[in-house]
C-alpha cells in the first residue's frame, strides 16, 4: 500500500442551502439473495493462462451488472485483479489434495455456493487415472457432509490436447452421473459444460482470457437459474446493507492518531490492520485479533469508549451487543472484554449502525427502520456502565434503501452527518444539528457529482487526518482512490492502495 497525489479534481461541491428536515423517501426496495460463493479447484481457478483472476473476474463483473442476487467470493487464497479476490484455487492440486482440506475450507468460508472445477491434473499425471471419477464422487459427498444445504455447481473439464480427450469425455460423463445421483437424493447440485473452443485455450490445460470469459458466463447463468428455481439456500443480505456492515474491509482509527486505518476482516474471522501514516504511507501491523466470528455482518468497528481508538463490537444471534475495547490489539495491549453492553432492539443486524451522533466521541446505536427512518440511542457507557439515552426518531429519512446512506462526519464537528448516494452517483449531504426535534438538519444539497453510480464502491473515511470525512472509491482492480474533503472543495484523486485490495 502507498499514498500519492495527482492533479486536483473537483467533485462538484455546491453552496449551502437553508436548513431543512429530512423528508420521507421512496418505497422500500425488495431484497435479493446474497450469495457467499467459494470457488474450488486447481490452477484454472487461480487463473493461470490469463491476465489473472481467471473466470472469477468475468463472473464478478456479470454479477455486479444484474439484480437477481448479490455476491461475494470466499476462500483463504487471494489473487488476481478481482475486487473480491478470495478463492480456494491451488495450482497443481489433485482431487485428493482438495478433499483432505475441504472440511476446513467449508467451515471457514461458510459458503452458500461452491463452484467446483477439478480433475484435469488427475487425468494428466496421477498414478490412478482410471478412478479419478470415484475420487470426485467422494469429494462432492464431503462437501455436502460439511455443509448440508449448500449449492454445488460442478463444472466439466475443458477441451484439452488429443492425448487426454478420451479420458476427459469419460470423466465428464461420470461427473454428470454424480450430479444426477446427488440431485435424486435431494442435494442442491448442478452440472455445467463450458463451450470453450480450442482457440480460446492458452495451452492444452489452461484457458486464455477469452476462455475464462466463457467459464464466467456459464457459471453466472447457473447461479441465475439456481436463484430463479429457488435452488440456493442463503441468508439474504440485509436490505440495502452499507459496506460498513458487510465489507471485508473497514476504515476506522486503530491507533487514535486521527487518521482512519485499513482493517481487513478475513474469512476465518481474524483481523489485520494497516496503519495510515499519511504522507509516510501505510504500515502493516499484521494480525491484531484472532476474531470471534467468520460472519462479518456480526462485527462492527467503532470507538465505543471515546478514547479515539476503534473497538470491536460483536452481535449475537439475538441482537445483543458485546464490546471488546481496543488496548492496542494482540501485538500491543490486547483487548478488554467489557461484556454485553446492549440487549439490542432487533435480530436484523442490517438495521443497526454505530456512529457518533452527538459529538462526544462515543459510538451511538442507530436503528434504521424499513421506511428509512432513523432512531438513535446515545451511548452513555452501555448496560452496566451508564446505559443508553433514547433520543427517539431523529430523521424520517430520504430513502428506504439504507445501502445508499452513509453516516460520516462531513464538516469535522465530530457528529455523524447523513450522506445520500443518488442513483447517478452524486452525493447529497445533511449536516447533523441534533436531528428532528433536537436542532434538525442543515441541507448542503449536492456536495459531489461522484465518480461512480455503484454505491458499493463508495466509502467515506477520515484518511486525510483533518477530522472531515473523505470520499473513497473502491476500483474493480482492487485499488482505492480518495478525494480529500477540504471543506470548500475536494482535492485528489489520491491512490491510497495499490491492487488486490479485498472488499
Protein backbone atom coordinates (compact mmCIF):
# COMPACT_ATOMS: atom_id res chain seq x y z
CA UNK A 1 0.00 0.00 0.00
CA UNK A 2 1.13 3.53 -0.64
CA UNK A 3 -0.27 7.01 -1.00
CA UNK A 4 0.45 9.64 -3.60
CA UNK A 5 -1.14 12.72 -5.10
CA UNK A 6 -2.09 13.52 -8.65
CA UNK A 7 -3.61 16.70 -10.01
CA UNK A 8 -6.65 18.38 -8.44
CA UNK A 9 -10.10 17.17 -9.38
CA UNK A 10 -13.27 18.74 -8.04
CA UNK A 11 -16.28 16.55 -7.37
CA UNK A 12 -18.72 19.43 -7.60
CA UNK A 13 -19.17 20.97 -4.16
CA UNK A 14 -22.22 23.23 -4.08
CA UNK A 15 -23.14 26.16 -1.87
CA UNK A 16 -25.06 25.76 1.36
CA UNK A 17 -28.82 25.62 1.28
CA UNK A 18 -31.20 26.62 4.06
CA UNK A 19 -31.74 24.22 6.93
CA UNK A 20 -34.40 21.57 6.29
CA UNK A 21 -35.66 18.45 7.97
CA UNK A 22 -35.12 15.16 6.17
CA UNK A 23 -38.25 14.28 4.21
CA UNK A 24 -39.82 10.86 3.60
CA UNK A 25 -38.34 8.71 0.87
CA UNK A 26 -39.47 6.15 -1.71
CA UNK A 27 -40.96 2.74 -1.12
CA UNK A 28 -38.87 0.02 0.42
CA UNK A 29 -36.71 -1.85 -2.09
CA UNK A 30 -37.11 -5.61 -2.40
CA UNK A 31 -34.34 -7.78 -1.03
CA UNK A 32 -32.43 -10.30 -3.14
CA UNK A 33 -30.40 -13.32 -2.07
CA UNK A 34 -26.82 -12.61 -1.08
CA UNK A 35 -24.54 -15.49 -2.03
CA UNK A 36 -21.21 -16.40 -0.45
CA UNK A 37 -19.50 -18.16 -3.35
CA UNK A 38 -16.50 -20.45 -2.78
CA UNK A 39 -14.53 -21.19 -5.98
CA UNK A 40 -12.65 -24.51 -5.52
CA UNK A 41 -10.15 -26.05 -7.87
CA UNK A 42 -6.64 -26.00 -9.24
CA UNK A 43 -4.67 -23.55 -11.41
CA UNK A 44 -7.70 -22.83 -13.56
CA UNK A 45 -9.50 -21.45 -10.52
CA UNK A 46 -6.38 -19.37 -9.78
CA UNK A 47 -6.45 -18.06 -13.36
CA UNK A 48 -3.22 -19.40 -14.86
CA UNK A 49 -3.03 -18.69 -18.59
CA UNK A 50 -4.89 -15.39 -18.43
CA UNK A 51 -4.25 -11.91 -17.10
CA UNK A 52 -5.16 -13.08 -13.59
CA UNK A 53 -8.36 -13.94 -11.77
CA UNK A 54 -9.47 -16.50 -14.34
CA UNK A 55 -13.23 -16.96 -14.56
CA UNK A 56 -13.70 -15.12 -11.27
CA UNK A 57 -13.27 -11.66 -12.81
CA UNK A 58 -15.88 -12.02 -15.61
CA UNK A 59 -18.24 -13.73 -13.15
CA UNK A 60 -17.84 -10.86 -10.68
CA UNK A 61 -18.48 -8.25 -13.37
CA UNK A 62 -21.58 -10.08 -14.62
CA UNK A 63 -22.95 -10.41 -11.08
CA UNK A 64 -22.45 -6.69 -10.45
CA UNK A 65 -24.41 -5.89 -13.60
CA UNK A 66 -27.64 -7.72 -12.69
CA UNK A 67 -30.19 -7.62 -9.89
CA UNK A 68 -31.13 -11.29 -9.33
CA UNK A 69 -28.63 -11.69 -6.50
CA UNK A 70 -25.66 -10.09 -4.82
CA UNK A 71 -22.44 -11.99 -4.36
CA UNK A 72 -19.14 -12.16 -2.56
CA UNK A 73 -16.29 -14.61 -3.04
CA UNK A 74 -14.89 -16.62 -0.12
CA UNK A 75 -11.74 -18.62 0.48
CA UNK A 76 -8.30 -18.44 2.07
CA UNK A 77 -6.44 -17.63 -1.17
CA UNK A 78 -6.37 -14.14 -2.69
CA UNK A 79 -5.11 -13.40 -6.17
CA UNK A 80 -5.90 -11.66 -9.43
CA UNK A 81 -7.31 -8.25 -10.36
CA UNK A 82 -10.71 -9.07 -8.87
CA UNK A 83 -12.30 -6.58 -6.47
CA UNK A 84 -13.04 -9.55 -4.20
CA UNK A 85 -10.13 -11.93 -4.93
CA UNK A 86 -10.89 -14.72 -2.41
CA UNK A 87 -10.88 -18.33 -3.62
CA UNK A 88 -9.64 -21.85 -2.96
CA UNK A 89 -7.74 -22.37 -6.20
CA UNK A 90 -4.48 -24.29 -5.71
CA UNK A 91 -2.17 -24.78 -8.68
CA UNK A 92 -1.19 -28.38 -9.29
CA UNK A 93 -3.67 -29.89 -6.81
CA UNK A 94 -5.20 -33.27 -7.49
CA UNK A 95 -8.65 -34.23 -6.24
CA UNK A 96 -7.35 -35.93 -3.09
CA UNK A 97 -5.39 -32.80 -2.09
CA UNK A 98 -8.61 -30.81 -2.29
CA UNK A 99 -10.57 -33.48 -0.40
CA UNK A 100 -8.17 -33.53 2.56
CA UNK A 101 -8.66 -29.79 3.09
CA UNK A 102 -12.26 -29.23 2.05
CA UNK A 103 -13.72 -29.59 5.57
CA UNK A 104 -11.50 -26.78 6.88
CA UNK A 105 -12.26 -24.54 3.93
CA UNK A 106 -16.00 -25.09 4.18
CA UNK A 107 -16.01 -24.35 7.91
CA UNK A 108 -14.06 -21.11 7.46
CA UNK A 109 -15.90 -19.83 4.39
CA UNK A 110 -19.47 -20.93 5.28
CA UNK A 111 -20.44 -20.74 1.59
CA UNK A 112 -23.89 -20.73 0.08
CA UNK A 113 -22.47 -21.92 -3.24
CA UNK A 114 -19.40 -23.96 -4.20
CA UNK A 115 -18.11 -23.62 -7.77
CA UNK A 116 -16.12 -26.82 -8.28
CA UNK A 117 -13.74 -27.39 -11.18
CA UNK A 118 -11.15 -30.09 -10.52
CA UNK A 119 -9.74 -33.25 -12.08
CA UNK A 120 -7.56 -32.40 -15.07
CA UNK A 121 -4.36 -32.90 -13.07
CA UNK A 122 -5.59 -36.38 -12.07
CA UNK A 123 -6.09 -37.29 -15.72
CA UNK A 124 -2.78 -35.76 -16.70
CA UNK A 125 -0.36 -37.14 -14.11
CA UNK A 126 -1.91 -39.10 -11.24
CA UNK A 127 -0.90 -42.70 -10.53
CA UNK A 128 -4.51 -43.81 -10.72
CA UNK A 129 -6.20 -42.01 -13.60
CA UNK A 130 -8.94 -44.61 -14.00
CA UNK A 131 -10.51 -43.93 -10.62
CA UNK A 132 -10.46 -40.12 -10.81
CA UNK A 133 -14.29 -40.03 -11.09
CA UNK A 134 -14.55 -42.07 -7.88
CA UNK A 135 -12.36 -39.54 -6.10
CA UNK A 136 -14.55 -36.75 -7.47
CA UNK A 137 -17.65 -38.51 -6.12
CA UNK A 138 -16.02 -38.73 -2.69
CA UNK A 139 -15.11 -35.02 -2.76
CA UNK A 140 -18.66 -33.97 -3.67
CA UNK A 141 -20.06 -36.11 -0.85
CA UNK A 142 -17.64 -34.48 1.61
CA UNK A 143 -18.77 -31.02 0.53
CA UNK A 144 -22.40 -31.85 1.28
CA UNK A 145 -21.48 -33.55 4.54
CA UNK A 146 -19.54 -30.46 5.62
CA UNK A 147 -22.39 -28.08 4.82
CA UNK A 148 -25.80 -29.65 4.18
CA UNK A 149 -27.97 -27.42 2.01
CA UNK A 150 -25.07 -25.84 0.15
CA UNK A 151 -25.43 -25.49 -3.61
CA UNK A 152 -22.71 -27.07 -5.74
CA UNK A 153 -22.12 -26.12 -9.36
CA UNK A 154 -19.82 -28.78 -10.82
CA UNK A 155 -18.02 -27.81 -13.99
CA UNK A 156 -16.96 -30.33 -16.61
CA UNK A 157 -13.32 -30.45 -17.66
CA UNK A 158 -12.27 -28.33 -20.63
CA UNK A 159 -11.13 -29.37 -24.12
CA UNK A 160 -7.51 -30.42 -23.94
CA UNK A 161 -4.82 -31.99 -26.08
CA UNK A 162 -5.93 -35.03 -28.06
CA UNK A 163 -3.97 -37.28 -25.70
CA UNK A 164 -6.48 -36.51 -22.92
CA UNK A 165 -9.66 -36.09 -24.94
CA UNK A 166 -11.00 -39.63 -24.36
CA UNK A 167 -10.25 -39.51 -20.64
CA UNK A 168 -11.91 -36.12 -20.30
CA UNK A 169 -15.01 -37.43 -22.05
CA UNK A 170 -15.31 -40.38 -19.67
CA UNK A 171 -14.67 -38.16 -16.66
CA UNK A 172 -17.36 -35.66 -17.64
CA UNK A 173 -19.86 -38.45 -18.24
CA UNK A 174 -19.16 -39.76 -14.77
CA UNK A 175 -19.47 -36.22 -13.35
CA UNK A 176 -22.94 -35.87 -14.85
CA UNK A 177 -23.97 -39.12 -13.18
CA UNK A 178 -22.57 -37.94 -9.83
CA UNK A 179 -24.72 -34.83 -10.15
CA UNK A 180 -27.80 -36.85 -11.09
CA UNK A 181 -27.33 -39.17 -8.11
CA UNK A 182 -26.99 -36.32 -5.61
CA UNK A 183 -29.89 -34.41 -7.13
CA UNK A 184 -32.07 -37.53 -6.83
CA UNK A 185 -31.27 -37.66 -3.11
CA UNK A 186 -32.29 -34.04 -2.65
CA UNK A 187 -28.93 -32.27 -2.73
CA UNK A 188 -28.69 -28.89 -4.45
CA UNK A 189 -26.29 -29.54 -7.32
CA UNK A 190 -25.93 -28.63 -10.97
CA UNK A 191 -23.58 -29.68 -13.74
CA UNK A 192 -22.31 -27.28 -16.41
CA UNK A 193 -20.23 -27.77 -19.52
CA UNK A 194 -18.08 -24.92 -20.77
CA UNK A 195 -18.25 -24.25 -24.51
CA UNK A 196 -14.60 -23.26 -24.65
CA UNK A 197 -13.09 -23.75 -28.08
CA UNK A 198 -9.52 -24.74 -28.92
CA UNK A 199 -8.62 -21.19 -29.96
CA UNK A 200 -9.75 -19.96 -26.52
CA UNK A 201 -7.14 -22.09 -24.75
CA UNK A 202 -3.78 -20.72 -23.59
CA UNK A 203 -2.23 -24.20 -23.62
CA UNK A 204 -3.55 -27.76 -23.52
CA UNK A 205 -4.70 -27.38 -19.89
CA UNK A 206 -5.46 -23.69 -19.27
CA UNK A 207 -7.87 -21.26 -20.94
CA UNK A 208 -6.86 -17.88 -22.24
CA UNK A 209 -8.86 -14.86 -21.08
CA UNK A 210 -11.43 -15.49 -23.82
CA UNK A 211 -11.94 -19.00 -22.46
CA UNK A 212 -12.18 -17.73 -18.89
CA UNK A 213 -14.88 -15.31 -20.07
CA UNK A 214 -16.92 -18.30 -21.31
CA UNK A 215 -16.46 -20.03 -17.96
CA UNK A 216 -17.55 -16.93 -16.07
CA UNK A 217 -20.66 -16.55 -18.23
CA UNK A 218 -21.53 -20.22 -17.77
CA UNK A 219 -21.18 -20.12 -14.00
CA UNK A 220 -23.19 -16.89 -13.87
CA UNK A 221 -26.04 -18.43 -15.87
CA UNK A 222 -26.06 -21.41 -13.50
CA UNK A 223 -26.27 -19.11 -10.47
CA UNK A 224 -29.11 -17.11 -12.05
CA UNK A 225 -31.02 -20.32 -12.76
CA UNK A 226 -30.42 -21.68 -9.25
CA UNK A 227 -31.74 -18.47 -7.70
CA UNK A 228 -34.74 -18.38 -10.03
CA UNK A 229 -35.56 -22.02 -9.23
CA UNK A 230 -35.22 -21.45 -5.51
CA UNK A 231 -32.25 -23.81 -5.59
CA UNK A 232 -29.98 -21.72 -3.38
CA UNK A 233 -30.18 -21.62 0.39
CA UNK A 234 -28.77 -18.33 1.65
CA UNK A 235 -29.29 -15.69 4.24
CA UNK A 236 -30.40 -12.63 2.28
CA UNK A 237 -28.15 -9.67 2.84
CA UNK A 238 -29.83 -7.02 4.98
CA UNK A 239 -31.87 -4.79 2.69
CA UNK A 240 -29.61 -2.10 1.33
CA UNK A 241 -26.69 -3.07 3.52
CA UNK A 242 -23.92 -0.50 3.55
CA UNK A 243 -20.28 -1.59 3.18
CA UNK A 244 -19.59 -0.72 6.81
CA UNK A 245 -21.82 -3.69 7.67
CA UNK A 246 -20.86 -6.37 5.13
CA UNK A 247 -17.46 -5.46 3.71
CA UNK A 248 -14.30 -7.39 4.47
CA UNK A 249 -12.52 -4.04 4.64
CA UNK A 250 -13.41 -1.47 7.26
CA UNK A 251 -12.00 2.03 7.75
CA UNK A 252 -11.50 3.15 11.35
CA UNK A 253 -8.84 4.71 13.56
CA UNK A 254 -6.92 1.85 15.19
CA UNK A 255 -4.22 3.85 16.97
CA UNK A 256 -6.03 7.11 17.83
CA UNK A 257 -3.90 9.40 15.64
CA UNK A 258 -6.92 10.97 13.89
CA UNK A 259 -6.49 9.06 10.61
CA UNK A 260 -8.65 6.11 9.68
CA UNK A 261 -6.70 2.91 9.15
CA UNK A 262 -7.38 -0.07 6.91
CA UNK A 263 -8.90 -3.10 8.68
CA UNK A 264 -9.30 -6.48 6.99
CA UNK A 265 -11.78 -8.99 8.41
CA UNK A 266 -10.57 -12.26 6.92
CA UNK A 267 -12.95 -15.12 6.07
CA UNK A 268 -11.89 -17.06 9.16
CA UNK A 269 -12.62 -14.05 11.38
CA UNK A 270 -9.07 -12.85 12.05
CA UNK A 271 -8.49 -9.08 11.93
CA UNK A 272 -5.50 -7.45 10.25
CA UNK A 273 -4.69 -3.72 10.20
CA UNK A 274 -2.60 -1.44 8.01
CA UNK A 275 -1.77 1.83 9.76
CA UNK A 276 -2.38 5.02 7.82
CA UNK A 277 0.72 7.17 8.19
CA UNK A 278 -0.42 9.95 5.88
CA UNK A 279 2.46 11.09 3.68
CA UNK A 280 4.60 8.33 5.21
CA UNK A 281 2.38 5.67 3.64
CA UNK A 282 0.97 2.51 5.17
CA UNK A 283 2.48 0.19 7.76
CA UNK A 284 1.31 -3.41 8.08
CA UNK A 285 0.56 -4.12 11.73
CA UNK A 286 -0.30 -7.72 10.95
CA UNK A 287 -2.97 -9.70 12.77
CA UNK A 288 -4.29 -7.61 15.66
CA UNK A 289 -7.06 -10.02 16.70
CA UNK A 290 -7.94 -13.67 16.15
CA UNK A 291 -11.53 -12.55 15.79
CA UNK A 292 -14.64 -14.17 17.21
CA UNK A 293 -16.71 -14.97 14.13
CA UNK A 294 -16.37 -15.62 10.42
CA UNK A 295 -19.68 -13.82 9.87
CA UNK A 296 -18.63 -10.23 9.11
CA UNK A 297 -22.20 -8.96 9.37
CA UNK A 298 -21.96 -9.61 13.13
CA UNK A 299 -18.97 -7.28 13.53
CA UNK A 300 -18.84 -3.51 13.80
CA UNK A 301 -15.67 -1.47 14.20
CA UNK A 302 -16.33 1.76 16.12
CA UNK A 303 -14.99 3.83 19.02
CA UNK A 304 -17.24 2.73 21.87
CA UNK A 305 -15.49 4.36 24.84
CA UNK A 306 -14.41 7.67 23.26
CA UNK A 307 -10.63 7.16 23.50
CA UNK A 308 -10.32 7.74 19.72
CA UNK A 309 -9.35 4.12 19.08
CA UNK A 310 -11.85 1.93 17.26
CA UNK A 311 -13.14 -1.05 19.22
CA UNK A 312 -14.52 -4.47 18.21
CA UNK A 313 -18.31 -4.83 18.61
CA UNK A 314 -19.95 -8.23 18.22
CA UNK A 315 -23.63 -9.06 17.67
CA UNK A 316 -25.17 -12.26 19.00
CA UNK A 317 -27.97 -14.12 17.22
CA UNK A 318 -30.50 -12.32 19.44
CA UNK A 319 -29.16 -8.87 18.53
CA UNK A 320 -27.31 -8.30 21.80
CA UNK A 321 -24.01 -6.42 21.54
CA UNK A 322 -20.74 -7.31 23.27
CA UNK A 323 -17.76 -4.93 23.19
CA UNK A 324 -14.03 -5.57 23.20
CA UNK A 325 -12.16 -2.34 23.88
CA UNK A 326 -9.04 -1.74 21.84
CA UNK A 327 -5.99 -1.50 24.12
CA UNK A 328 -3.55 -1.87 21.25
CA UNK A 329 -4.55 -5.21 19.78
CA UNK A 330 -2.92 -8.61 20.14
CA UNK A 331 0.53 -7.18 19.44
CA UNK A 332 0.06 -4.28 21.83
CA UNK A 333 -2.02 -4.09 24.99
CA UNK A 334 -4.66 -6.54 23.85
CA UNK A 335 -8.43 -6.18 24.07
CA UNK A 336 -10.61 -5.57 27.13
CA UNK A 337 -13.87 -7.52 27.14
CA UNK A 338 -16.43 -5.34 28.93
CA UNK A 339 -19.18 -7.84 28.22
CA UNK A 340 -22.68 -7.29 26.88
CA UNK A 341 -23.44 -3.59 26.64
CA UNK A 342 -26.87 -3.79 24.96
CA UNK A 343 -29.70 -6.29 24.67
CA UNK A 344 -30.32 -4.93 21.20
CA UNK A 345 -33.55 -3.95 19.52
CA UNK A 346 -33.63 -6.28 16.52
CA UNK A 347 -32.24 -9.58 15.29
CA UNK A 348 -31.77 -7.95 11.86
CA UNK A 349 -28.21 -6.67 12.16
CA UNK A 350 -28.57 -4.86 8.84
CA UNK A 351 -30.78 -2.29 10.57
CA UNK A 352 -28.09 -1.25 13.07
CA UNK A 353 -25.18 1.16 12.61
CA UNK A 354 -22.79 2.60 15.16
CA UNK A 355 -21.71 6.23 14.74
CA UNK A 356 -21.07 9.24 16.96
CA UNK A 357 -24.34 11.16 16.70
CA UNK A 358 -23.89 13.74 19.47
CA UNK A 359 -20.18 14.51 19.12
CA UNK A 360 -18.97 13.06 22.44
CA UNK A 361 -16.55 10.70 20.60
CA UNK A 362 -18.51 7.58 21.64
CA UNK A 363 -20.30 5.48 19.03
CA UNK A 364 -24.07 5.58 19.45
CA UNK A 365 -26.64 2.92 18.44
CA UNK A 366 -28.60 3.92 15.31
CA UNK A 367 -31.59 1.86 14.23
CA UNK A 368 -32.82 2.09 10.62
CA UNK A 369 -36.49 1.22 10.09
CA UNK A 370 -37.70 -0.39 6.86
CA UNK A 371 -39.08 3.00 5.81
CA UNK A 372 -35.66 4.65 6.20
CA UNK A 373 -36.45 6.42 9.46
CA UNK A 374 -33.58 6.60 11.95
CA UNK A 375 -33.83 6.25 15.73
CA UNK A 376 -30.85 6.98 17.99
CA UNK A 377 -29.84 5.63 21.37
CA UNK A 378 -26.99 7.72 22.77
CA UNK A 379 -24.12 5.78 24.29
CA UNK A 380 -23.66 6.69 27.96
CA UNK A 381 -21.39 3.72 28.55
CA UNK A 382 -23.76 0.86 27.75
CA UNK A 383 -25.60 -1.56 30.00
CA UNK A 384 -23.89 -1.69 33.38
CA UNK A 385 -21.70 1.33 32.62
CA UNK A 386 -24.15 4.24 32.36
CA UNK A 387 -26.70 2.85 29.95
CA UNK A 388 -28.25 4.37 26.84
CA UNK A 389 -30.30 7.53 26.32
CA UNK A 390 -33.19 7.14 23.88
CA UNK A 391 -33.15 10.23 21.68
CA UNK A 392 -36.07 8.96 19.65
CA UNK A 393 -36.63 9.27 15.93
CA UNK A 394 -34.11 11.79 14.61
CA UNK A 395 -34.92 11.50 10.88
CA UNK A 396 -37.77 10.19 8.79
CA UNK A 397 -35.20 9.50 6.07
CA UNK A 398 -34.87 10.37 2.41
CA UNK A 399 -34.71 6.76 1.21
CA UNK A 400 -35.67 3.29 2.36
CA UNK A 401 -32.55 1.91 0.68
CA UNK A 402 -30.09 2.05 3.56
CA UNK A 403 -27.32 0.91 1.21
CA UNK A 404 -27.29 4.42 -0.24
CA UNK A 405 -26.89 6.08 3.14
CA UNK A 406 -23.55 6.81 4.75
CA UNK A 407 -23.11 8.18 8.26
CA UNK A 408 -19.90 10.20 8.40
CA UNK A 409 -18.59 13.46 9.82
CA UNK A 410 -18.64 15.67 6.72
CA UNK A 411 -17.85 19.02 8.37
CA UNK A 412 -15.43 17.97 11.10
CA UNK A 413 -17.59 18.77 14.14
CA UNK A 414 -17.33 15.18 15.46
CA UNK A 415 -21.03 14.46 14.77
CA UNK A 416 -22.09 11.97 12.11
CA UNK A 417 -23.87 13.60 9.19
CA UNK A 418 -26.32 11.98 6.76
CA UNK A 419 -24.91 11.42 3.27
CA UNK A 420 -27.03 10.07 0.42
CA UNK A 421 -25.67 8.44 -2.75
CA UNK A 422 -28.17 9.15 -5.53
CA UNK A 423 -28.87 6.83 -8.47
CA UNK A 424 -26.43 8.82 -10.62
CA UNK A 425 -23.68 8.56 -8.02
CA UNK A 426 -23.94 12.15 -6.80
CA UNK A 427 -23.64 12.77 -3.06
CA UNK A 428 -26.11 14.88 -1.10
CA UNK A 429 -25.41 15.88 2.49
CA UNK A 430 -27.44 16.89 5.51
CA UNK A 431 -25.40 18.25 8.42
CA UNK A 432 -26.37 16.91 11.82
CA UNK A 433 -27.60 19.76 14.04
CA UNK A 434 -29.12 17.37 16.55
CA UNK A 435 -31.75 15.65 14.44
CA UNK A 436 -35.51 16.03 14.30
CA UNK A 437 -36.78 17.69 17.47
CA UNK A 438 -33.27 18.48 18.68
CA UNK A 439 -31.98 21.10 16.25
CA UNK A 440 -32.79 19.48 12.92
CA UNK A 441 -30.62 19.02 9.86
CA UNK A 442 -28.91 21.54 7.60
CA UNK A 443 -29.09 20.60 3.93
CA UNK A 444 -25.97 21.25 1.84
CA UNK A 445 -27.64 19.91 -1.28
CA UNK A 446 -25.30 18.12 -3.67
CA UNK A 447 -21.75 18.14 -2.35
CA UNK A 448 -20.24 15.87 -5.01
CA UNK A 449 -21.11 14.80 -8.53
CA UNK A 450 -19.49 11.48 -7.66
CA UNK A 451 -17.22 9.17 -9.61
CA UNK A 452 -19.37 6.01 -9.82
CA UNK A 453 -23.05 5.13 -9.83
CA UNK A 454 -22.34 1.92 -7.91
CA UNK A 455 -22.92 2.66 -4.20
CA UNK A 456 -21.00 -0.46 -3.27
CA UNK A 457 -17.80 1.19 -4.44
CA UNK A 458 -18.15 4.31 -2.27
CA UNK A 459 -16.85 4.74 1.26
CA UNK A 460 -16.35 7.79 3.49
CA UNK A 461 -13.39 7.76 5.87
CA UNK A 462 -11.08 10.26 7.54
CA UNK A 463 -7.92 9.28 5.68
CA UNK A 464 -6.58 12.85 5.44
CA UNK A 465 -6.38 13.35 9.21
CA UNK A 466 -8.31 16.64 9.40
CA UNK A 467 -11.48 15.18 11.04
CA UNK A 468 -13.56 15.58 7.86
CA UNK A 469 -14.81 12.50 6.01
CA UNK A 470 -13.13 11.97 2.65
CA UNK A 471 -14.59 10.26 -0.43
CA UNK A 472 -13.16 6.82 -1.25
CA UNK A 473 -13.82 4.81 -4.40
CA UNK A 474 -13.01 1.10 -4.48
CA UNK A 475 -11.98 0.27 -8.05
CA UNK A 476 -12.65 -3.02 -9.82
CA UNK A 477 -8.89 -3.66 -9.88
CA UNK A 478 -8.90 -3.61 -6.09
CA UNK A 479 -7.14 -0.26 -5.72
CA UNK A 480 -8.74 2.57 -3.77
CA UNK A 481 -8.77 6.23 -4.78
CA UNK A 482 -9.58 9.05 -2.36
CA UNK A 483 -10.75 12.60 -2.83
CA UNK A 484 -9.79 14.66 0.21
CA UNK A 485 -12.54 16.82 1.72
CA UNK A 486 -11.10 20.30 2.12
CA UNK A 487 -14.33 21.97 3.19
CA UNK A 488 -14.96 24.06 0.09
CA UNK A 489 -13.55 21.62 -2.46
CA UNK A 490 -12.26 18.11 -2.95
CA UNK A 491 -8.54 17.57 -3.54
CA UNK A 492 -7.40 14.46 -5.35
CA UNK A 493 -7.57 11.86 -6.52
CA UNK A 494 -5.08 10.08 -4.31
CA UNK A 495 -4.39 6.41 -4.90
CA UNK A 496 -4.27 5.20 -1.32
CA UNK A 497 -3.97 1.48 -2.05
CA UNK A 498 -2.45 -0.37 -4.97
CA UNK A 499 -4.01 -3.54 -6.37
CA UNK A 500 -5.65 -6.61 -4.80
CA UNK A 501 -7.50 -4.76 -2.08
CA UNK A 502 -10.09 -7.06 -0.58
CA UNK A 503 -13.63 -5.80 -0.28
